[in-house]
Amino acid sequence: MKTDTNARYLKSHEWARKEGEEVVIGITDYAQSTLSDIVYVELPEVGDEVTKGEAFGVVESVKAASDIYAPMSGEVTAINENLEDAPEVVNEDAFGDGWLIKIKPSDLTEWDTLLDSEAYNKVVAEEQH
């Protein structure tokens, strides 16, 4: 399982990574491997507001549909439109080309409440037992 040491995490297996003024959000490598083959991704519109801890979209795989939760609050500035035609990119590159949305965060202090990669790895290890 891969993690990104520059990212922060939710226990529900989403990641956030600061890139300039924006925060990029996606699901973790562990989440995509658990879901199996992703066949559809439902994302919000640019301009929508997302709220930390609340669902903003859905990832559907051949096994299940799973809500995606926002690690931070803010306004959606971009969505990964490539996933409309190629949702499997999330399986192939969860921390890179498989990103889901970018937001302009409304409360930067939320970053400090997220798990670092070490703490997230412990969450995953507990789930696997």
C-alpha atoms as a PDB file:
ATOM      1  CA  MET A   1       0.000   0.000   0.000  1.00  0.00           C
ATOM      2  CA  LYS A   2       1.288   3.421  -0.969  1.00  0.00           C
ATOM      3  CA  THR A   3       0.887   6.608   1.015  1.00  0.00           C
ATOM      4  CA  ASP A   4       1.972  10.137   0.188  1.00  0.00           C
ATOM      5  CA  THR A   5       4.012  11.673   3.000  1.00  0.00           C
ATOM      6  CA  ASN A   6       3.041  15.172   1.760  1.00  0.00           C
ATOM      7  CA  ALA A   7      -0.658  14.391   2.144  1.00  0.00           C
ATOM      8  CA  ARG A   8      -2.922  14.313   5.188  1.00  0.00           C
ATOM      9  CA  TYR A   9      -5.697  11.786   5.687  1.00  0.00           C
ATOM     10  CA  LEU A  10      -9.153  11.030   7.054  1.00  0.00           C
ATOM     11  CA  LYS A  11      -9.915   7.700   8.743  1.00  0.00           C
ATOM     12  CA  SER A  12     -12.480   7.185   5.951  1.00  0.00           C
ATOM     13  CA  HIS A  13      -9.568   6.891   3.452  1.00  0.00           C
ATOM     14  CA  GLU A  14      -9.530  10.269   1.712  1.00  0.00           C
ATOM     15  CA  TRP A  15      -6.367  12.330   1.284  1.00  0.00           C
ATOM     16  CA  ALA A  16      -5.660  16.053   0.975  1.00  0.00           C
ATOM     17  CA  ARG A  17      -2.479  17.667  -0.339  1.00  0.00           C
ATOM     18  CA  LYS A  18      -1.671  21.370  -0.379  1.00  0.00           C
ATOM     19  CA  GLU A  19      -0.690  22.709  -3.790  1.00  0.00           C
ATOM     20  CA  GLY A  20      -0.183  26.448  -3.627  1.00  0.00           C
ATOM     21  CA  GLU A  21      -3.458  28.131  -2.621  1.00  0.00           C
ATOM     22  CA  GLU A  22      -5.465  24.982  -3.341  1.00  0.00           C
ATOM     23  CA  VAL A  23      -5.941  21.614  -1.690  1.00  0.00           C
ATOM     24  CA  VAL A  24      -6.140  18.543  -3.931  1.00  0.00           C
ATOM     25  CA  ILE A  25      -8.383  15.726  -2.661  1.00  0.00           C
ATOM     26  CA  GLY A  26      -8.651  12.063  -3.580  1.00  0.00           C
ATOM     27  CA  ILE A  27      -9.138   8.588  -2.155  1.00  0.00           C
ATOM     28  CA  THR A  28      -6.190   6.607  -0.858  1.00  0.00           C
ATOM     29  CA  ASP A  29      -4.403   3.708  -2.469  1.00  0.00           C
ATOM     30  CA  TYR A  30      -5.820   1.489   0.276  1.00  0.00           C
ATOM     31  CA  ALA A  31      -9.376   2.668  -0.525  1.00  0.00           C
ATOM     32  CA  GLN A  32      -9.056   2.002  -4.246  1.00  0.00           C
ATOM     33  CA  SER A  33      -7.575  -1.460  -3.638  1.00  0.00           C
ATOM     34  CA  THR A  34     -10.392  -2.314  -1.204  1.00  0.00           C
ATOM     35  CA  LEU A  35     -13.058  -1.096  -3.639  1.00  0.00           C
ATOM     36  CA  SER A  36     -11.518  -3.038  -6.534  1.00  0.00           C
ATOM     37  CA  ASP A  37     -12.202  -1.936 -10.135  1.00  0.00           C
ATOM     38  CA  ILE A  38     -13.701   1.566 -10.103  1.00  0.00           C
ATOM     39  CA  VAL A  39     -16.337   2.004 -12.820  1.00  0.00           C
ATOM     40  CA  TYR A  40     -17.882   5.403 -12.025  1.00  0.00           C
ATOM     41  CA  VAL A  41     -17.046   8.551 -10.061  1.00  0.00           C
ATOM     42  CA  GLU A  42     -19.675  11.151  -9.137  1.00  0.00           C
ATOM     43  CA  LEU A  43     -18.181  14.549  -8.284  1.00  0.00           C
ATOM     44  CA  PRO A  44     -19.559  17.971  -7.344  1.00  0.00           C
ATOM     45  CA  GLU A  45     -19.594  20.950  -9.709  1.00  0.00           C
ATOM     46  CA  VAL A  46     -16.945  23.671  -9.793  1.00  0.00           C
ATOM     47  CA  GLY A  47     -18.176  26.423  -7.471  1.00  0.00           C
ATOM     48  CA  ASP A  48     -19.892  24.010  -5.057  1.00  0.00           C
ATOM     49  CA  GLU A  49     -18.968  24.178  -1.379  1.00  0.00           C
ATOM     50  CA  VAL A  50     -17.734  21.059   0.417  1.00  0.00           C
ATOM     51  CA  THR A  51     -17.764  20.685   4.195  1.00  0.00           C
ATOM     52  CA  LYS A  52     -15.166  18.797   6.202  1.00  0.00           C
ATOM     53  CA  GLY A  53     -16.448  15.355   7.167  1.00  0.00           C
ATOM     54  CA  GLU A  54     -19.459  15.482   4.841  1.00  0.00           C
ATOM     55  CA  ALA A  55     -19.916  13.452   1.648  1.00  0.00           C
ATOM     56  CA  PHE A  56     -19.242  15.324  -1.590  1.00  0.00           C
ATOM     57  CA  GLY A  57     -19.322  12.493  -4.107  1.00  0.00           C
ATOM     58  CA  VAL A  58     -19.505   8.765  -4.760  1.00  0.00           C
ATOM     59  CA  VAL A  59     -17.058   6.199  -6.105  1.00  0.00           C
ATOM     60  CA  GLU A  60     -18.661   3.099  -7.600  1.00  0.00           C
ATOM     61  CA  SER A  61     -16.752  -0.107  -8.178  1.00  0.00           C
ATOM     62  CA  VAL A  62     -17.710  -3.549  -9.389  1.00  0.00           C
ATOM     63  CA  LYS A  63     -18.101  -4.472  -5.684  1.00  0.00           C
ATOM     64  CA  ALA A  64     -19.747  -1.457  -4.019  1.00  0.00           C
ATOM     65  CA  ALA A  65     -20.592   2.232  -4.022  1.00  0.00           C
ATOM     66  CA  SER A  66     -18.839   4.357  -1.448  1.00  0.00           C
ATOM     67  CA  ASP A  67     -19.351   7.958  -0.364  1.00  0.00           C
ATOM     68  CA  ILE A  68     -16.340  10.264  -0.539  1.00  0.00           C
ATOM     69  CA  TYR A  69     -15.881  12.608   2.429  1.00  0.00           C
ATOM     70  CA  ALA A  70     -14.222  16.018   2.377  1.00  0.00           C
ATOM     71  CA  PRO A  71     -11.029  16.215   4.445  1.00  0.00           C
ATOM     72  CA  MET A  72     -11.354  20.016   4.462  1.00  0.00           C
ATOM     73  CA  SER A  73     -14.041  22.615   3.817  1.00  0.00           C
ATOM     74  CA  GLY A  74     -13.917  24.961   0.861  1.00  0.00           C
ATOM     75  CA  GLU A  75     -15.052  25.883  -2.622  1.00  0.00           C
ATOM     76  CA  VAL A  76     -14.492  23.422  -5.465  1.00  0.00           C
ATOM     77  CA  THR A  77     -12.113  25.043  -7.970  1.00  0.00           C
ATOM     78  CA  ALA A  78     -11.580  22.029 -10.264  1.00  0.00           C
ATOM     79  CA  ILE A  79     -12.809  18.507 -10.815  1.00  0.00           C
ATOM     80  CA  ASN A  80     -10.872  15.741 -12.537  1.00  0.00           C
ATOM     81  CA  GLU A  81     -12.905  15.560 -15.737  1.00  0.00           C
ATOM     82  CA  ASN A  82     -10.716  12.722 -17.070  1.00  0.00           C
ATOM     83  CA  LEU A  83     -12.429  10.384 -14.602  1.00  0.00           C
ATOM     84  CA  GLU A  84     -15.736  10.719 -16.468  1.00  0.00           C
ATOM     85  CA  ASP A  85     -14.362   8.601 -19.322  1.00  0.00           C
ATOM     86  CA  ALA A  86     -11.603   6.800 -17.399  1.00  0.00           C
ATOM     87  CA  PRO A  87     -12.583   6.192 -13.746  1.00  0.00           C
ATOM     88  CA  GLU A  88     -10.046   3.347 -13.576  1.00  0.00           C
ATOM     89  CA  VAL A  89      -7.292   5.992 -13.338  1.00  0.00           C
ATOM     90  CA  VAL A  90      -8.166   6.182  -9.615  1.00  0.00           C
ATOM     91  CA  ASN A  91      -7.097   2.516  -9.330  1.00  0.00           C
ATOM     92  CA  GLU A  92      -3.945   3.106 -11.337  1.00  0.00           C
ATOM     93  CA  ASP A  93      -2.696   6.324  -9.691  1.00  0.00           C
ATOM     94  CA  ALA A  94      -4.706   7.252  -6.582  1.00  0.00           C
ATOM     95  CA  PHE A  95      -2.260   9.995  -5.466  1.00  0.00           C
ATOM     96  CA  GLY A  96      -1.481  11.356  -8.929  1.00  0.00           C
ATOM     97  CA  ASP A  97      -3.676  11.371 -12.050  1.00  0.00           C
ATOM     98  CA  GLY A  98      -6.519   9.812 -10.026  1.00  0.00           C
ATOM     99  CA  TRP A  99      -7.139  12.945  -7.924  1.00  0.00           C
ATOM    100  CA  LEU A 100     -10.830  13.860  -7.585  1.00  0.00           C
ATOM    101  CA  ILE A 101     -11.296  17.557  -6.813  1.00  0.00           C
ATOM    102  CA  LYS A 102      -9.371  20.709  -5.948  1.00  0.00           C
ATOM    103  CA  ILE A 103     -10.715  23.198  -3.439  1.00  0.00           C
ATOM    104  CA  LYS A 104      -9.890  26.647  -2.165  1.00  0.00           C
ATOM    105  CA  PRO A 105      -9.949  25.914   1.594  1.00  0.00           C
ATOM    106  CA  SER A 106     -12.132  28.126   3.771  1.00  0.00           C
ATOM    107  CA  ASP A 107     -10.429  27.164   7.065  1.00  0.00           C
ATOM    108  CA  LEU A 108      -6.730  26.309   6.925  1.00  0.00           C
ATOM    109  CA  THR A 109      -6.733  25.216  10.573  1.00  0.00           C
ATOM    110  CA  GLU A 110      -8.628  22.070   9.456  1.00  0.00           C
ATOM    111  CA  TRP A 111      -5.339  20.835   7.949  1.00  0.00           C
ATOM    112  CA  ASP A 112      -3.931  20.387  11.466  1.00  0.00           C
ATOM    113  CA  THR A 113      -6.793  18.039  12.424  1.00  0.00           C
ATOM    114  CA  LEU A 114      -5.985  15.532   9.655  1.00  0.00           C
ATOM    115  CA  LEU A 115      -3.872  12.400  10.106  1.00  0.00           C
ATOM    116  CA  ASP A 116      -0.293  12.329   8.855  1.00  0.00           C
ATOM    117  CA  SER A 117       0.823   9.312   6.805  1.00  0.00           C
ATOM    118  CA  GLU A 118       2.181   7.489   9.871  1.00  0.00           C
ATOM    119  CA  ALA A 119      -1.087   7.846  11.806  1.00  0.00           C
ATOM    120  CA  TYR A 120      -3.086   6.853   8.716  1.00  0.00           C
ATOM    121  CA  ASN A 121      -0.972   3.709   8.255  1.00  0.00           C
ATOM    122  CA  LYS A 122      -1.900   2.715  11.833  1.00  0.00           C
ATOM    123  CA  VAL A 123      -5.608   3.131  11.001  1.00  0.00           C
ATOM    124  CA  VAL A 124      -5.219   0.838   7.995  1.00  0.00           C
ATOM    125  CA  ALA A 125      -3.231  -1.717   9.989  1.00  0.00           C
ATOM    126  CA  GLU A 126      -6.028  -1.848  12.596  1.00  0.00           C
ATOM    127  CA  GLU A 127      -8.671  -2.323   9.874  1.00  0.00           C
ATOM    128  CA  GLN A 128      -6.762  -5.235   8.373  1.00  0.00           C
ATOM    129  CA  HIS A 129      -6.837  -7.221  11.620  1.00  0.00           C
END
